[in-house]
Amino acid sequence: MTTSALPETCAAPAPATAARLWVRSGHAVYLGPGLGLAPHSTALPSLGVGVDAPFRVRAGEAADITARSFLFRARVVHHVTGTQGRMLFCFFDPTSARLTRCLGGMTRTTGEFAYAHQDENELVALCRHPEPDIERLLELASVPLPVIRDTRIAAATATIRADPARPYRAADCARAAGLSTSYFLRTFAGQTGTSFRRYVQWARMVHIARSHAAGHDLTRAAADAGFASPSHFSDTFRAMFGLTPTAFVRIGGELSVIER
């Protein structure tokens, strides 16, 4: 990683146990050390798995529990403590009904929270491989890929992925597709599994991952992807994953793309 000219994404020496973050439109996978973050919430729900040991979690008003896997809800303050070794987090788009498939894989509940994923042992085993099979991880976490059958929606998503930095407006994309804005938004969500706004946001994150893999620092990658400023990118990154790009870099974070 090159050194950024701006402090928000400045580089730092990588520790012995580095973190990795794979992204794809609608999904992301983090594998790395437990971060010891203060109580916080994220915009994305996630399945957390203790790779090397169970962890203790406090979420909302529920009593503390110790678990090997836990489904964290979006925008609910939670605090993970007692982590030993690495953690796995599979992030899901909160606007997608496909999240319910992960919920269906949980075997226990406490209050309004679910824990003990039915495939946690296999998830742990996959994480211990030097090069984890990310597709298999997401499959076990019950996150299927969407199938876009409407050619008008497929064309719109292809345009967004090809140039995510453009200031996309749903009304403009709907007009180009020959659809009303309301019908376009409803069909777009049904075909892609996520909202129009969230799809653009994911496309920008994927662009950043590709740019980073090509050797660009995160500040330049974020600007090329359409983020107005380093702080805009930092706020979005933290809202999605619970830590800033600065913190991710400081733990030796590596950002990659999950190829379809």
Protein backbone atom coordinates (compact mmCIF):
# COMPACT_ATOMS: atom_id res chain seq x y z
CA MET A 1 0.00 0.00 0.00
CA THR A 2 1.30 3.46 -0.85
CA THR A 3 1.29 6.24 1.69
CA SER A 4 -1.70 8.56 1.46
CA ALA A 5 -1.24 12.30 1.36
CA LEU A 6 -4.21 12.71 3.68
CA PRO A 7 -4.29 11.55 7.32
CA GLU A 8 -7.65 9.77 7.08
CA THR A 9 -6.18 6.84 5.17
CA CYS A 10 -2.51 7.08 6.02
CA ALA A 11 -0.52 3.88 5.89
CA ALA A 12 0.99 2.20 8.94
CA PRO A 13 3.18 -0.84 9.55
CA ALA A 14 1.27 -4.11 9.29
CA PRO A 15 1.14 -6.27 12.40
CA ALA A 16 1.90 -9.97 12.37
CA THR A 17 -1.80 -10.86 12.16
CA ALA A 18 -3.26 -8.70 9.39
CA ALA A 19 -6.92 -8.24 8.56
CA ARG A 20 -8.61 -8.89 5.24
CA LEU A 21 -11.83 -7.42 3.91
CA TRP A 22 -13.44 -8.83 0.77
CA VAL A 23 -16.28 -6.86 -0.84
CA ARG A 24 -18.89 -7.58 -3.49
CA SER A 25 -22.10 -5.76 -4.27
CA GLY A 26 -24.37 -6.52 -1.32
CA HIS A 27 -21.90 -8.59 0.69
CA ALA A 28 -18.58 -8.22 2.50
CA VAL A 29 -16.41 -10.55 4.56
CA TYR A 30 -13.94 -9.46 7.27
CA LEU A 31 -11.39 -11.90 8.66
CA GLY A 32 -8.83 -10.70 11.15
CA PRO A 33 -8.09 -9.86 14.75
CA GLY A 34 -10.82 -8.91 17.20
CA LEU A 35 -10.67 -5.14 17.14
CA GLY A 36 -11.63 -4.34 20.72
CA LEU A 37 -13.96 -1.59 19.51
CA ALA A 38 -15.97 0.52 21.92
CA PRO A 39 -19.76 -0.01 21.90
CA HIS A 40 -21.00 0.98 18.43
CA SER A 41 -23.58 0.27 15.75
CA THR A 42 -23.23 -0.25 12.00
CA ALA A 43 -25.50 0.31 9.00
CA LEU A 44 -25.06 -3.33 8.00
CA PRO A 45 -26.18 -6.42 9.88
CA SER A 46 -23.46 -9.05 10.18
CA LEU A 47 -22.86 -12.61 11.24
CA GLY A 48 -19.93 -12.64 13.68
CA VAL A 49 -17.98 -15.84 14.30
CA GLY A 50 -15.15 -16.41 16.77
CA VAL A 51 -12.55 -18.23 14.67
CA ASP A 52 -10.21 -19.17 17.51
CA ALA A 53 -12.54 -19.01 20.51
CA PRO A 54 -16.03 -17.94 21.59
CA PHE A 55 -16.61 -14.26 22.37
CA ARG A 56 -18.81 -12.28 24.70
CA VAL A 57 -21.36 -9.85 23.31
CA ARG A 58 -23.71 -7.22 24.70
CA ALA A 59 -26.37 -5.95 22.29
CA GLY A 60 -29.26 -3.60 22.92
CA GLU A 61 -31.02 -4.39 26.17
CA ALA A 62 -30.27 -8.12 26.05
CA ALA A 63 -28.16 -9.75 28.76
CA ASP A 64 -24.53 -10.50 27.94
CA ILE A 65 -23.99 -13.89 26.35
CA THR A 66 -20.98 -15.93 25.30
CA ALA A 67 -21.29 -17.37 21.80
CA ARG A 68 -19.26 -18.77 18.93
CA SER A 69 -21.52 -17.01 16.40
CA PHE A 70 -23.96 -14.11 16.70
CA LEU A 71 -26.17 -12.21 14.25
CA PHE A 72 -25.65 -8.48 14.84
CA ARG A 73 -28.57 -6.29 13.82
CA ALA A 74 -28.11 -3.08 11.86
CA ARG A 75 -28.16 0.20 13.81
CA VAL A 76 -28.30 -1.53 17.19
CA VAL A 77 -25.50 -0.64 19.59
CA HIS A 78 -23.41 -3.68 20.47
CA HIS A 79 -20.15 -4.37 22.26
CA VAL A 80 -17.96 -7.40 21.58
CA THR A 81 -15.55 -8.30 24.39
CA GLY A 82 -13.42 -11.23 25.43
CA THR A 83 -12.26 -11.97 21.89
CA GLN A 84 -9.25 -14.25 21.59
CA GLY A 85 -7.58 -14.50 18.21
CA ARG A 86 -9.39 -13.83 14.97
CA MET A 87 -12.99 -12.93 14.18
CA LEU A 88 -15.07 -13.48 11.06
CA PHE A 89 -17.78 -11.01 10.10
CA CYS A 90 -20.06 -11.62 7.11
CA PHE A 91 -21.82 -8.34 6.31
CA PHE A 92 -25.17 -8.31 4.51
CA ASP A 93 -27.06 -5.54 2.79
CA PRO A 94 -29.77 -4.57 5.30
CA THR A 95 -32.25 -3.65 2.57
CA SER A 96 -32.23 -7.18 1.18
CA ALA A 97 -34.86 -9.73 2.14
CA ARG A 98 -32.15 -12.34 1.58
CA LEU A 99 -30.88 -11.54 5.07
CA THR A 100 -33.73 -13.68 6.38
CA ARG A 101 -31.92 -16.75 5.05
CA CYS A 102 -29.08 -16.12 7.48
CA LEU A 103 -31.57 -15.62 10.27
CA GLY A 104 -33.02 -19.00 9.38
CA GLY A 105 -29.63 -20.57 9.99
CA MET A 106 -29.43 -19.41 13.59
CA THR A 107 -30.41 -22.04 16.17
CA ARG A 108 -30.84 -20.04 19.39
CA THR A 109 -32.24 -16.67 20.45
CA THR A 110 -31.94 -14.31 23.36
CA GLY A 111 -34.58 -11.61 23.37
CA GLU A 112 -34.69 -10.22 19.83
CA PHE A 113 -31.19 -11.46 18.92
CA ALA A 114 -30.18 -14.75 17.29
CA TYR A 115 -26.97 -16.70 17.80
CA ALA A 116 -25.36 -20.15 17.30
CA HIS A 117 -25.36 -20.52 13.50
CA GLN A 118 -26.01 -24.09 12.39
CA ASP A 119 -22.83 -24.13 10.27
CA GLU A 120 -20.49 -22.33 12.65
CA ASN A 121 -18.09 -25.29 12.86
CA GLU A 122 -17.62 -25.39 9.09
CA LEU A 123 -17.28 -21.60 8.97
CA VAL A 124 -14.51 -21.81 11.57
CA ALA A 125 -12.77 -24.57 9.61
CA LEU A 126 -12.87 -22.52 6.41
CA CYS A 127 -11.39 -19.50 8.18
CA ARG A 128 -8.40 -21.53 9.32
CA HIS A 129 -7.36 -22.21 5.73
CA PRO A 130 -4.52 -19.96 4.44
CA GLU A 131 -6.78 -18.85 1.55
CA PRO A 132 -10.40 -19.14 2.71
CA ASP A 133 -13.05 -19.98 0.14
CA ILE A 134 -15.08 -16.78 0.40
CA GLU A 135 -17.84 -18.01 -1.91
CA ARG A 136 -18.31 -21.03 0.34
CA LEU A 137 -18.30 -18.80 3.42
CA LEU A 138 -21.10 -16.71 1.96
CA GLU A 139 -22.99 -19.81 0.86
CA LEU A 140 -22.88 -21.22 4.39
CA ALA A 141 -24.01 -17.87 5.75
CA SER A 142 -27.04 -18.23 3.44
CA VAL A 143 -26.43 -15.26 1.19
CA PRO A 144 -27.35 -16.23 -2.40
CA LEU A 145 -26.42 -14.07 -5.37
CA PRO A 146 -29.32 -12.18 -6.95
CA VAL A 147 -30.42 -13.04 -10.48
CA ILE A 148 -31.25 -9.99 -12.60
CA ARG A 149 -33.68 -11.08 -15.31
CA ASP A 150 -35.03 -7.72 -16.45
CA THR A 151 -32.69 -6.47 -19.20
CA ARG A 152 -33.50 -2.84 -18.37
CA ILE A 153 -32.37 -3.31 -14.77
CA ALA A 154 -29.35 -5.31 -15.91
CA ALA A 155 -28.35 -2.42 -18.17
CA ALA A 156 -28.71 0.07 -15.32
CA THR A 157 -26.58 -2.02 -12.94
CA ALA A 158 -23.93 -2.51 -15.64
CA THR A 159 -23.74 1.26 -16.15
CA ILE A 160 -23.35 1.86 -12.41
CA ARG A 161 -20.63 -0.78 -12.04
CA ALA A 162 -18.74 0.53 -15.06
CA ASP A 163 -18.58 4.09 -13.73
CA PRO A 164 -19.65 4.28 -10.07
CA ALA A 165 -18.19 7.77 -9.60
CA ARG A 166 -21.00 9.44 -11.55
CA PRO A 167 -23.70 11.26 -9.50
CA TYR A 168 -26.50 8.81 -10.24
CA ARG A 169 -30.12 9.82 -9.79
CA ALA A 170 -32.87 7.24 -9.83
CA ALA A 171 -35.11 9.47 -11.95
CA ASP A 172 -32.45 9.74 -14.66
CA CYS A 173 -31.81 5.99 -14.71
CA ALA A 174 -35.54 5.28 -14.80
CA ARG A 175 -35.96 7.64 -17.76
CA ALA A 176 -33.10 5.96 -19.62
CA ALA A 177 -34.79 2.59 -18.99
CA GLY A 178 -38.14 3.88 -20.21
CA LEU A 179 -39.77 3.38 -16.81
CA SER A 180 -41.44 5.55 -14.21
CA THR A 181 -39.23 6.31 -11.22
CA SER A 182 -41.46 4.44 -8.77
CA TYR A 183 -41.65 1.33 -10.97
CA PHE A 184 -37.91 1.45 -11.64
CA LEU A 185 -37.05 1.66 -7.94
CA ARG A 186 -39.45 -1.15 -7.04
CA THR A 187 -38.21 -3.41 -9.85
CA PHE A 188 -34.57 -2.54 -9.19
CA ALA A 189 -34.87 -3.60 -5.55
CA GLY A 190 -36.71 -6.78 -6.47
CA GLN A 191 -34.14 -7.79 -9.11
CA THR A 192 -30.92 -6.82 -7.31
CA GLY A 193 -31.96 -7.55 -3.73
CA THR A 194 -31.08 -4.05 -2.58
CA SER A 195 -32.10 -0.43 -3.01
CA PHE A 196 -30.85 1.79 -5.84
CA ARG A 197 -28.94 4.05 -3.45
CA ARG A 198 -27.32 1.11 -1.65
CA TYR A 199 -26.35 -0.52 -4.95
CA VAL A 200 -24.44 2.62 -5.97
CA GLN A 201 -22.72 2.65 -2.58
CA TRP A 202 -21.64 -1.00 -2.94
CA ALA A 203 -20.42 -0.37 -6.49
CA ARG A 204 -18.19 2.40 -5.18
CA MET A 205 -16.79 0.14 -2.47
CA VAL A 206 -16.02 -2.54 -5.05
CA HIS A 207 -14.29 0.08 -7.22
CA ILE A 208 -12.17 1.12 -4.23
CA ALA A 209 -11.17 -2.49 -3.59
CA ARG A 210 -10.09 -2.92 -7.23
CA SER A 211 -8.15 0.33 -7.18
CA HIS A 212 -6.49 -0.59 -3.89
CA ALA A 213 -5.48 -3.98 -5.31
CA ALA A 214 -3.86 -2.11 -8.22
CA GLY A 215 -1.63 -0.28 -5.74
CA HIS A 216 -3.52 2.97 -5.14
CA ASP A 217 -3.95 4.32 -1.62
CA LEU A 218 -7.45 4.46 -0.19
CA THR A 219 -7.75 8.25 -0.41
CA ARG A 220 -7.15 8.26 -4.16
CA ALA A 221 -9.31 5.17 -4.62
CA ALA A 222 -12.18 6.80 -2.73
CA ALA A 223 -11.96 9.98 -4.79
CA ASP A 224 -11.89 7.99 -8.04
CA ALA A 225 -14.96 6.05 -6.86
CA GLY A 226 -17.02 9.20 -6.41
CA PHE A 227 -16.73 10.04 -2.71
CA ALA A 228 -16.79 13.80 -2.25
CA SER A 229 -14.07 13.85 0.42
CA PRO A 230 -11.96 11.58 2.63
CA SER A 231 -14.36 12.25 5.51
CA HIS A 232 -17.35 11.20 3.37
CA PHE A 233 -15.59 7.93 2.54
CA SER A 234 -14.52 7.46 6.17
CA ASP A 235 -18.05 7.98 7.46
CA THR A 236 -19.50 5.54 4.90
CA PHE A 237 -16.83 2.91 5.59
CA ARG A 238 -17.36 3.16 9.34
CA ALA A 239 -21.15 3.01 8.98
CA MET A 240 -20.80 -0.19 6.98
CA PHE A 241 -18.03 -2.00 8.83
CA GLY A 242 -17.74 -0.42 12.27
CA LEU A 243 -14.24 1.03 11.95
CA THR A 244 -12.65 3.83 9.96
CA PRO A 245 -10.31 3.28 7.01
CA THR A 246 -7.52 4.63 9.23
CA ALA A 247 -8.13 1.92 11.83
CA PHE A 248 -8.36 -0.72 9.11
CA VAL A 249 -5.00 0.32 7.65
CA ARG A 250 -3.37 0.41 11.09
CA ILE A 251 -4.12 -3.27 11.65
CA GLY A 252 -2.56 -4.14 8.32
CA GLY A 253 -5.87 -4.37 6.50
CA GLU A 254 -5.99 -5.79 2.97
CA LEU A 255 -8.99 -4.90 0.79
CA SER A 256 -10.03 -7.26 -2.00
CA VAL A 257 -12.90 -7.92 -4.39
CA ILE A 258 -15.03 -11.06 -4.22
CA GLU A 259 -15.23 -12.13 -7.86
CA ARG A 260 -18.49 -13.61 -9.08
